[in-house]
Amino acid sequence: MEQTINCAEACVNGCVLGDKCPNIEFKAATSKFIEETSLDQMLEMAEERLRKKMTEPPKWVFPEDS
């Protein structure tokens, strides 16, 4: 029986499922990114994304008719 949890809420302080985590395939890629990318590069990436987001036109969301 596979355990289903909301990782965004349950794993705030670390993975609670360990080796049974459904997102385990992303763990290696994330570790590699953190090891190979300097903090300065990460900050530049974040600043660039924020700059793009601030220059995007607003997105309007209209509720569907019921």
N, C-alpha and C. Protein backbone atom coordinates (compact mmCIF):
# COMPACT_ATOMS: atom_id res chain seq x y z
N MET A 1 0.84 -1.18 0.00
CA MET A 1 0.00 0.00 0.00
C MET A 1 0.88 1.24 0.00
N GLU A 2 0.67 2.10 -0.98
CA GLU A 2 1.49 3.30 -1.13
C GLU A 2 0.91 4.42 -0.28
N GLN A 3 1.78 5.06 0.49
CA GLN A 3 1.34 6.14 1.36
C GLN A 3 1.31 7.44 0.57
N THR A 4 0.22 8.19 0.69
CA THR A 4 0.08 9.45 -0.02
C THR A 4 0.04 10.58 1.00
N ILE A 5 0.95 11.56 0.81
CA ILE A 5 1.00 12.71 1.70
C ILE A 5 1.20 13.97 0.87
N ASN A 6 0.96 15.10 1.47
CA ASN A 6 1.23 16.39 0.85
C ASN A 6 2.64 16.79 1.28
N CYS A 7 3.60 16.59 0.39
CA CYS A 7 5.00 16.86 0.73
C CYS A 7 5.25 18.32 1.11
N ALA A 8 4.53 19.25 0.49
CA ALA A 8 4.72 20.67 0.79
C ALA A 8 4.41 20.98 2.25
N GLU A 9 3.51 20.23 2.85
CA GLU A 9 3.16 20.46 4.25
C GLU A 9 3.90 19.52 5.20
N ALA A 10 3.93 18.24 4.86
CA ALA A 10 4.48 17.24 5.78
C ALA A 10 6.00 17.25 5.84
N CYS A 11 6.65 17.64 4.77
CA CYS A 11 8.11 17.52 4.69
C CYS A 11 8.82 18.86 4.83
N VAL A 12 8.22 19.79 5.52
CA VAL A 12 8.82 21.12 5.70
C VAL A 12 10.19 21.02 6.36
N ASN A 13 10.33 20.12 7.32
CA ASN A 13 11.59 19.97 8.05
C ASN A 13 12.42 18.80 7.54
N GLY A 14 12.08 18.26 6.38
CA GLY A 14 12.79 17.12 5.81
C GLY A 14 11.80 16.04 5.41
N CYS A 15 12.22 15.17 4.52
CA CYS A 15 11.35 14.11 4.01
C CYS A 15 10.95 13.16 5.14
N VAL A 16 9.66 12.87 5.21
CA VAL A 16 9.17 11.97 6.26
C VAL A 16 9.03 10.53 5.76
N LEU A 17 9.12 10.32 4.44
CA LEU A 17 8.97 8.97 3.89
C LEU A 17 10.30 8.29 3.59
N GLY A 18 11.38 9.03 3.60
CA GLY A 18 12.70 8.43 3.34
C GLY A 18 12.81 7.83 1.96
N ASP A 19 13.22 6.56 1.87
CA ASP A 19 13.41 5.89 0.59
C ASP A 19 12.11 5.63 -0.15
N LYS A 20 10.98 5.78 0.49
CA LYS A 20 9.68 5.55 -0.14
C LYS A 20 9.08 6.84 -0.69
N CYS A 21 9.85 7.90 -0.69
CA CYS A 21 9.39 9.19 -1.18
C CYS A 21 9.06 9.10 -2.68
N PRO A 22 7.89 9.61 -3.10
CA PRO A 22 7.53 9.57 -4.52
C PRO A 22 8.36 10.54 -5.36
N ASN A 23 9.06 11.46 -4.73
CA ASN A 23 9.86 12.45 -5.45
C ASN A 23 11.36 12.17 -5.34
N ILE A 24 11.73 10.93 -5.05
CA ILE A 24 13.14 10.60 -4.81
C ILE A 24 14.02 10.83 -6.04
N GLU A 25 13.43 10.72 -7.24
CA GLU A 25 14.25 10.91 -8.44
C GLU A 25 14.77 12.34 -8.57
N PHE A 26 14.13 13.28 -7.92
CA PHE A 26 14.57 14.67 -7.98
C PHE A 26 15.67 14.98 -6.96
N LYS A 27 15.86 14.10 -6.00
CA LYS A 27 16.82 14.32 -4.92
C LYS A 27 18.25 14.42 -5.45
N ALA A 28 18.63 13.50 -6.34
CA ALA A 28 19.99 13.50 -6.90
C ALA A 28 20.24 14.75 -7.74
N ALA A 29 19.25 15.13 -8.56
CA ALA A 29 19.41 16.31 -9.40
C ALA A 29 19.51 17.58 -8.55
N THR A 30 18.74 17.63 -7.48
CA THR A 30 18.78 18.79 -6.59
C THR A 30 20.12 18.88 -5.87
N SER A 31 20.60 17.75 -5.37
CA SER A 31 21.90 17.74 -4.69
C SER A 31 23.01 18.17 -5.63
N LYS A 32 22.97 17.68 -6.87
CA LYS A 32 23.99 18.03 -7.86
C LYS A 32 23.95 19.53 -8.15
N PHE A 33 22.74 20.08 -8.32
CA PHE A 33 22.60 21.51 -8.58
C PHE A 33 23.18 22.33 -7.44
N ILE A 34 22.86 21.95 -6.21
CA ILE A 34 23.35 22.70 -5.04
C ILE A 34 24.87 22.62 -4.93
N GLU A 35 25.44 21.46 -5.22
CA GLU A 35 26.90 21.30 -5.13
C GLU A 35 27.63 22.06 -6.22
N GLU A 36 27.06 22.10 -7.44
CA GLU A 36 27.76 22.67 -8.58
C GLU A 36 27.45 24.15 -8.83
N THR A 37 26.46 24.70 -8.16
CA THR A 37 26.06 26.08 -8.41
C THR A 37 26.41 26.93 -7.20
N SER A 38 27.12 28.00 -7.46
CA SER A 38 27.51 28.89 -6.37
C SER A 38 26.29 29.69 -5.90
N LEU A 39 26.37 30.16 -4.68
CA LEU A 39 25.28 30.97 -4.13
C LEU A 39 25.08 32.23 -4.96
N ASP A 40 26.17 32.81 -5.45
CA ASP A 40 26.06 34.01 -6.29
C ASP A 40 25.27 33.71 -7.56
N GLN A 41 25.52 32.54 -8.17
CA GLN A 41 24.78 32.16 -9.37
C GLN A 41 23.29 31.97 -9.06
N MET A 42 23.00 31.34 -7.92
CA MET A 42 21.60 31.13 -7.53
C MET A 42 20.90 32.46 -7.30
N LEU A 43 21.59 33.40 -6.67
CA LEU A 43 21.01 34.72 -6.44
C LEU A 43 20.77 35.45 -7.75
N GLU A 44 21.70 35.32 -8.70
CA GLU A 44 21.52 35.94 -10.02
C GLU A 44 20.31 35.35 -10.73
N MET A 45 20.14 34.02 -10.63
CA MET A 45 18.99 33.36 -11.25
C MET A 45 17.69 33.87 -10.63
N ALA A 46 17.67 34.02 -9.32
CA ALA A 46 16.47 34.49 -8.63
C ALA A 46 16.17 35.94 -9.00
N GLU A 47 17.19 36.78 -9.08
CA GLU A 47 16.99 38.17 -9.45
C GLU A 47 16.47 38.30 -10.87
N GLU A 48 17.01 37.48 -11.78
CA GLU A 48 16.56 37.50 -13.18
C GLU A 48 15.09 37.09 -13.27
N ARG A 49 14.71 36.05 -12.55
CA ARG A 49 13.31 35.59 -12.56
C ARG A 49 12.39 36.66 -11.99
N LEU A 50 12.81 37.31 -10.91
CA LEU A 50 12.01 38.37 -10.33
C LEU A 50 11.87 39.53 -11.30
N ARG A 51 12.96 39.88 -11.97
CA ARG A 51 12.93 40.96 -12.96
C ARG A 51 11.94 40.64 -14.08
N LYS A 52 11.97 39.38 -14.56
CA LYS A 52 11.03 38.97 -15.62
C LYS A 52 9.59 39.02 -15.13
N LYS A 53 9.37 38.56 -13.91
CA LYS A 53 8.02 38.54 -13.35
C LYS A 53 7.48 39.96 -13.18
N MET A 54 8.33 40.88 -12.77
CA MET A 54 7.89 42.26 -12.56
C MET A 54 7.56 42.96 -13.88
N THR A 55 8.18 42.54 -14.99
CA THR A 55 7.92 43.18 -16.27
C THR A 55 6.81 42.50 -17.07
N GLU A 56 6.32 41.36 -16.61
CA GLU A 56 5.22 40.68 -17.30
C GLU A 56 3.93 41.47 -17.11
N PRO A 57 3.08 41.45 -18.14
CA PRO A 57 1.78 42.11 -17.95
C PRO A 57 0.95 41.31 -16.93
N PRO A 58 0.01 41.96 -16.28
CA PRO A 58 -0.81 41.26 -15.30
C PRO A 58 -1.65 40.17 -15.96
N LYS A 59 -1.87 39.10 -15.23
CA LYS A 59 -2.71 38.01 -15.74
C LYS A 59 -4.04 38.06 -15.00
N TRP A 60 -5.09 38.20 -15.76
CA TRP A 60 -6.42 38.30 -15.17
C TRP A 60 -7.05 36.92 -15.13
N VAL A 61 -7.66 36.61 -14.02
CA VAL A 61 -8.35 35.34 -13.86
C VAL A 61 -9.83 35.63 -13.67
N PHE A 62 -10.63 35.12 -14.59
CA PHE A 62 -12.06 35.32 -14.51
C PHE A 62 -12.73 34.05 -14.03
N PRO A 63 -13.59 34.14 -13.05
CA PRO A 63 -14.29 32.95 -12.57
C PRO A 63 -15.24 32.42 -13.65
N GLU A 64 -15.33 31.13 -13.72
CA GLU A 64 -16.22 30.52 -14.70
C GLU A 64 -17.66 30.71 -14.27
N ASP A 65 -18.53 30.83 -15.25
CA ASP A 65 -19.96 30.94 -14.93
C ASP A 65 -20.45 29.62 -14.36
N SER A 66 -21.22 29.69 -13.30
CA SER A 66 -21.72 28.47 -12.66
C SER A 66 -22.95 27.94 -13.32
